[in-house]
Amino acid sequence: MQINGPFSVSVVDNTDTQSRELHLSFKPAFQRQPLAARVETVYSHMQSLQESMEQESNDATRQGMLMMLQIVEELYPHIEQDEIPLDETIVIEMGASSPLDKLLQGAVWR
């Protein structure tokens, strides 16, 4: 599965906490956009995730996509208000059996 979006995503195993972390870093091209364009990019990404989720037949993948959509929906108002430093990485701790983990195993991020 290919996932296009305004950020790069990676999964990091945290040996200190025995958990996995989802790291979201905003892409440089996204960081350079004016605020209105960033808001539109994130909104379009949410729509794209929703459409892809509706077409996906694998339940585990759909659940992972839903979690990713929920993360982006939580970020959206903060992007809209220009409240997030775009040069920092957002870290989300996941459980070992997180649906996002299954989604990200087969994803190709662009």
N, C-alpha and C. Protein backbone atom coordinates (compact mmCIF):
# COMPACT_ATOMS: atom_id res chain seq x y z
N MET A 1 0.85 -1.17 0.00
CA MET A 1 0.00 0.00 0.00
C MET A 1 0.89 1.23 0.00
N GLN A 2 0.57 2.22 -0.81
CA GLN A 2 1.29 3.48 -0.87
C GLN A 2 0.48 4.55 -0.15
N ILE A 3 1.14 5.27 0.76
CA ILE A 3 0.45 6.30 1.52
C ILE A 3 1.16 7.62 1.30
N ASN A 4 0.47 8.57 0.70
CA ASN A 4 1.01 9.91 0.52
C ASN A 4 0.48 10.78 1.63
N GLY A 5 1.29 11.68 2.11
CA GLY A 5 0.84 12.54 3.18
C GLY A 5 1.82 13.65 3.45
N PRO A 6 1.46 14.56 4.35
CA PRO A 6 2.31 15.71 4.64
C PRO A 6 3.46 15.39 5.58
N PHE A 7 3.53 14.17 6.07
CA PHE A 7 4.60 13.82 7.00
C PHE A 7 5.21 12.47 6.67
N SER A 8 6.42 12.29 7.17
CA SER A 8 7.09 11.00 7.10
C SER A 8 6.74 10.25 8.37
N VAL A 9 6.60 8.95 8.25
CA VAL A 9 6.21 8.13 9.38
C VAL A 9 7.24 7.03 9.56
N SER A 10 7.62 6.81 10.81
CA SER A 10 8.50 5.69 11.12
C SER A 10 8.05 5.06 12.43
N VAL A 11 8.41 3.81 12.59
CA VAL A 11 8.11 3.08 13.82
C VAL A 11 9.44 2.77 14.49
N VAL A 12 9.52 3.09 15.78
CA VAL A 12 10.74 2.89 16.54
C VAL A 12 10.43 1.98 17.73
N ASP A 13 11.24 0.96 17.91
CA ASP A 13 11.11 0.11 19.09
C ASP A 13 11.85 0.79 20.24
N ASN A 14 11.13 1.07 21.31
CA ASN A 14 11.72 1.70 22.49
C ASN A 14 12.06 0.60 23.48
N THR A 15 13.36 0.30 23.59
CA THR A 15 13.78 -0.79 24.48
C THR A 15 13.63 -0.43 25.95
N ASP A 16 13.62 0.86 26.26
CA ASP A 16 13.46 1.28 27.66
C ASP A 16 12.06 0.96 28.18
N THR A 17 11.04 1.19 27.35
CA THR A 17 9.66 1.00 27.79
C THR A 17 9.03 -0.28 27.22
N GLN A 18 9.77 -1.00 26.39
CA GLN A 18 9.26 -2.21 25.75
C GLN A 18 8.03 -1.93 24.90
N SER A 19 7.97 -0.76 24.32
CA SER A 19 6.84 -0.39 23.48
C SER A 19 7.36 0.07 22.13
N ARG A 20 6.44 0.36 21.26
CA ARG A 20 6.78 0.89 19.94
C ARG A 20 6.28 2.33 19.89
N GLU A 21 7.00 3.12 19.14
CA GLU A 21 6.62 4.52 18.98
C GLU A 21 6.41 4.83 17.51
N LEU A 22 5.38 5.58 17.24
CA LEU A 22 5.11 6.08 15.90
C LEU A 22 5.67 7.50 15.86
N HIS A 23 6.59 7.76 14.95
CA HIS A 23 7.20 9.08 14.82
C HIS A 23 6.67 9.75 13.56
N LEU A 24 6.06 10.91 13.72
CA LEU A 24 5.56 11.71 12.60
C LEU A 24 6.43 12.94 12.46
N SER A 25 7.03 13.12 11.31
CA SER A 25 7.84 14.31 11.03
C SER A 25 7.29 14.96 9.77
N PHE A 26 7.01 16.25 9.86
CA PHE A 26 6.47 16.95 8.70
C PHE A 26 7.54 17.08 7.63
N LYS A 27 7.15 16.80 6.40
CA LYS A 27 8.06 16.86 5.26
C LYS A 27 8.49 18.31 5.01
N PRO A 28 9.72 18.52 4.55
CA PRO A 28 10.20 19.88 4.28
C PRO A 28 9.30 20.67 3.32
N ALA A 29 8.80 20.02 2.29
CA ALA A 29 7.92 20.73 1.33
C ALA A 29 6.66 21.22 2.04
N PHE A 30 6.12 20.43 2.96
CA PHE A 30 4.95 20.83 3.73
C PHE A 30 5.30 22.01 4.65
N GLN A 31 6.46 21.94 5.27
CA GLN A 31 6.89 23.01 6.17
C GLN A 31 7.02 24.35 5.45
N ARG A 32 7.40 24.32 4.19
CA ARG A 32 7.60 25.57 3.42
C ARG A 32 6.30 26.17 2.91
N GLN A 33 5.22 25.42 2.94
CA GLN A 33 3.95 25.93 2.42
C GLN A 33 3.40 27.05 3.32
N PRO A 34 2.68 28.00 2.72
CA PRO A 34 1.97 28.97 3.56
C PRO A 34 0.87 28.25 4.35
N LEU A 35 0.41 28.87 5.41
CA LEU A 35 -0.55 28.24 6.31
C LEU A 35 -1.78 27.71 5.57
N ALA A 36 -2.38 28.49 4.70
CA ALA A 36 -3.59 28.06 4.00
C ALA A 36 -3.33 26.78 3.19
N ALA A 37 -2.18 26.68 2.56
CA ALA A 37 -1.84 25.49 1.78
C ALA A 37 -1.61 24.30 2.69
N ARG A 38 -0.99 24.51 3.86
CA ARG A 38 -0.80 23.40 4.82
C ARG A 38 -2.14 22.86 5.30
N VAL A 39 -3.06 23.77 5.59
CA VAL A 39 -4.39 23.36 6.05
C VAL A 39 -5.07 22.53 4.96
N GLU A 40 -5.00 22.98 3.73
CA GLU A 40 -5.62 22.26 2.61
C GLU A 40 -4.95 20.89 2.41
N THR A 41 -3.63 20.84 2.55
CA THR A 41 -2.90 19.58 2.38
C THR A 41 -3.35 18.55 3.42
N VAL A 42 -3.47 18.98 4.68
CA VAL A 42 -3.88 18.05 5.74
C VAL A 42 -5.34 17.63 5.54
N TYR A 43 -6.19 18.57 5.15
CA TYR A 43 -7.59 18.25 4.90
C TYR A 43 -7.70 17.23 3.76
N SER A 44 -6.96 17.45 2.70
CA SER A 44 -6.96 16.51 1.56
C SER A 44 -6.45 15.15 1.98
N HIS A 45 -5.45 15.14 2.85
CA HIS A 45 -4.91 13.87 3.34
C HIS A 45 -5.98 13.11 4.14
N MET A 46 -6.74 13.82 4.96
CA MET A 46 -7.83 13.17 5.71
C MET A 46 -8.86 12.57 4.76
N GLN A 47 -9.21 13.31 3.72
CA GLN A 47 -10.17 12.80 2.75
C GLN A 47 -9.62 11.57 2.03
N SER A 48 -8.36 11.61 1.67
CA SER A 48 -7.72 10.50 0.98
C SER A 48 -7.69 9.25 1.86
N LEU A 49 -7.37 9.44 3.15
CA LEU A 49 -7.38 8.31 4.08
C LEU A 49 -8.77 7.71 4.18
N GLN A 50 -9.78 8.57 4.26
CA GLN A 50 -11.16 8.11 4.38
C GLN A 50 -11.55 7.30 3.13
N GLU A 51 -11.22 7.81 1.96
CA GLU A 51 -11.55 7.11 0.72
C GLU A 51 -10.82 5.77 0.61
N SER A 52 -9.55 5.77 0.97
CA SER A 52 -8.77 4.53 0.92
C SER A 52 -9.32 3.51 1.89
N MET A 53 -9.73 3.98 3.06
CA MET A 53 -10.27 3.10 4.08
C MET A 53 -11.56 2.44 3.59
N GLU A 54 -12.39 3.20 2.90
CA GLU A 54 -13.65 2.67 2.39
C GLU A 54 -13.44 1.60 1.32
N GLN A 55 -12.32 1.68 0.62
CA GLN A 55 -12.03 0.72 -0.45
C GLN A 55 -11.25 -0.50 0.05
N GLU A 56 -10.72 -0.40 1.25
CA GLU A 56 -9.88 -1.48 1.80
C GLU A 56 -10.74 -2.64 2.29
N SER A 57 -10.37 -3.87 1.91
CA SER A 57 -11.14 -5.04 2.32
C SER A 57 -10.55 -5.74 3.54
N ASN A 58 -9.28 -5.52 3.82
CA ASN A 58 -8.63 -6.17 4.96
C ASN A 58 -8.97 -5.42 6.25
N ASP A 59 -9.61 -6.11 7.19
CA ASP A 59 -10.07 -5.47 8.43
C ASP A 59 -8.93 -4.89 9.26
N ALA A 60 -7.81 -5.59 9.35
CA ALA A 60 -6.67 -5.10 10.14
C ALA A 60 -6.11 -3.82 9.52
N THR A 61 -6.02 -3.80 8.21
CA THR A 61 -5.52 -2.61 7.52
C THR A 61 -6.50 -1.45 7.69
N ARG A 62 -7.79 -1.74 7.58
CA ARG A 62 -8.81 -0.70 7.79
C ARG A 62 -8.72 -0.11 9.19
N GLN A 63 -8.51 -0.96 10.18
CA GLN A 63 -8.42 -0.49 11.56
C GLN A 63 -7.19 0.39 11.75
N GLY A 64 -6.07 0.02 11.15
CA GLY A 64 -4.86 0.84 11.21
C GLY A 64 -5.06 2.17 10.51
N MET A 65 -5.74 2.15 9.37
CA MET A 65 -6.02 3.38 8.64
C MET A 65 -6.94 4.29 9.46
N LEU A 66 -7.89 3.70 10.15
CA LEU A 66 -8.79 4.47 10.99
C LEU A 66 -8.02 5.16 12.12
N MET A 67 -7.10 4.43 12.73
CA MET A 67 -6.29 5.04 13.79
C MET A 67 -5.45 6.19 13.24
N MET A 68 -4.88 6.00 12.05
CA MET A 68 -4.08 7.07 11.43
C MET A 68 -4.96 8.27 11.12
N LEU A 69 -6.17 8.02 10.62
CA LEU A 69 -7.11 9.10 10.34
C LEU A 69 -7.44 9.85 11.62
N GLN A 70 -7.65 9.13 12.71
CA GLN A 70 -7.96 9.78 13.98
C GLN A 70 -6.81 10.66 14.46
N ILE A 71 -5.58 10.22 14.25
CA ILE A 71 -4.41 11.02 14.62
C ILE A 71 -4.40 12.31 13.81
N VAL A 72 -4.60 12.19 12.50
CA VAL A 72 -4.59 13.37 11.63
C VAL A 72 -5.74 14.31 11.99
N GLU A 73 -6.91 13.75 12.31
CA GLU A 73 -8.04 14.58 12.72
C GLU A 73 -7.73 15.34 14.01
N GLU A 74 -7.00 14.73 14.91
CA GLU A 74 -6.59 15.41 16.15
C GLU A 74 -5.59 16.53 15.87
N LEU A 75 -4.72 16.31 14.90
CA LEU A 75 -3.71 17.32 14.55
C LEU A 75 -4.29 18.49 13.76
N TYR A 76 -5.34 18.22 12.99
CA TYR A 76 -5.88 19.20 12.05
C TYR A 76 -6.18 20.57 12.68
N PRO A 77 -6.92 20.67 13.79
CA PRO A 77 -7.21 22.01 14.33
C PRO A 77 -5.94 22.74 14.77
N HIS A 78 -4.93 21.99 15.18
CA HIS A 78 -3.68 22.62 15.61
C HIS A 78 -2.87 23.10 14.40
N ILE A 79 -2.97 22.37 13.30
CA ILE A 79 -2.36 22.82 12.04
C ILE A 79 -3.08 24.08 11.58
N GLU A 80 -4.41 24.04 11.65
CA GLU A 80 -5.24 25.16 11.22
C GLU A 80 -4.92 26.44 12.01
N GLN A 81 -4.62 26.28 13.28
CA GLN A 81 -4.30 27.43 14.14
C GLN A 81 -2.79 27.73 14.17
N ASP A 82 -2.02 26.99 13.39
CA ASP A 82 -0.56 27.17 13.30
C ASP A 82 0.10 27.03 14.68
N GLU A 83 -0.32 26.02 15.43
CA GLU A 83 0.14 25.83 16.80
C GLU A 83 1.22 24.74 16.94
N ILE A 84 1.52 24.04 15.87
CA ILE A 84 2.48 22.93 15.95
C ILE A 84 3.80 23.35 15.31
N PRO A 85 4.91 23.20 16.05
CA PRO A 85 6.21 23.47 15.43
C PRO A 85 6.50 22.38 14.39
N LEU A 86 6.57 22.76 13.15
CA LEU A 86 6.66 21.80 12.06
C LEU A 86 8.03 21.15 11.93
N ASP A 87 9.01 21.68 12.62
CA ASP A 87 10.35 21.11 12.54
C ASP A 87 10.62 20.08 13.65
N GLU A 88 9.61 19.78 14.45
CA GLU A 88 9.76 18.79 15.51
C GLU A 88 9.04 17.50 15.13
N THR A 89 9.45 16.41 15.74
CA THR A 89 8.84 15.11 15.51
C THR A 89 7.78 14.84 16.57
N ILE A 90 6.62 14.39 16.14
CA ILE A 90 5.55 14.02 17.04
C ILE A 90 5.72 12.53 17.33
N VAL A 91 5.74 12.17 18.62
CA VAL A 91 5.95 10.78 19.02
C VAL A 91 4.68 10.27 19.69
N ILE A 92 4.18 9.14 19.18
CA ILE A 92 2.99 8.50 19.73
C ILE A 92 3.37 7.09 20.14
N GLU A 93 3.16 6.77 21.43
CA GLU A 93 3.49 5.44 21.91
C GLU A 93 2.36 4.48 21.55
N MET A 94 2.74 3.31 21.02
CA MET A 94 1.76 2.30 20.61
C MET A 94 2.02 1.02 21.39
N GLY A 95 0.97 0.25 21.58
CA GLY A 95 1.12 -1.07 22.15
C GLY A 95 1.71 -2.02 21.13
N ALA A 96 2.18 -3.15 21.58
CA ALA A 96 2.82 -4.12 20.68
C ALA A 96 1.86 -4.67 19.64
N SER A 97 0.58 -4.71 19.94
CA SER A 97 -0.37 -5.27 18.98
C SER A 97 -1.26 -4.19 18.38
N SER A 98 -0.73 -2.99 18.24
CA SER A 98 -1.50 -1.88 17.70
C SER A 98 -1.88 -2.12 16.24
N PRO A 99 -3.11 -1.77 15.86
CA PRO A 99 -3.49 -1.89 14.45
C PRO A 99 -2.60 -1.04 13.54
N LEU A 100 -2.07 0.06 14.07
CA LEU A 100 -1.17 0.89 13.26
C LEU A 100 0.09 0.12 12.90
N ASP A 101 0.56 -0.69 13.80
CA ASP A 101 1.76 -1.47 13.54
C ASP A 101 1.55 -2.38 12.33
N LYS A 102 0.40 -3.02 12.26
CA LYS A 102 0.09 -3.90 11.13
C LYS A 102 -0.04 -3.10 9.83
N LEU A 103 -0.65 -1.93 9.91
CA LEU A 103 -0.80 -1.08 8.73
C LEU A 103 0.56 -0.64 8.20
N LEU A 104 1.44 -0.22 9.10
CA LEU A 104 2.72 0.34 8.69
C LEU A 104 3.70 -0.70 8.16
N GLN A 105 3.50 -1.96 8.52
CA GLN A 105 4.41 -3.01 8.05
C GLN A 105 4.40 -3.11 6.53
N GLY A 106 3.27 -2.87 5.89
CA GLY A 106 3.19 -3.00 4.44
C GLY A 106 3.10 -1.69 3.70
N ALA A 107 3.26 -0.58 4.42
CA ALA A 107 3.07 0.74 3.79
C ALA A 107 4.34 1.23 3.13
N VAL A 108 4.16 1.98 2.07
CA VAL A 108 5.24 2.70 1.40
C VAL A 108 4.87 4.16 1.48
N TRP A 109 5.64 4.94 2.20
CA TRP A 109 5.34 6.37 2.42
C TRP A 109 6.08 7.21 1.40
N ARG A 110 5.38 8.16 0.82
CA ARG A 110 5.96 9.07 -0.18
C ARG A 110 5.74 10.49 0.24
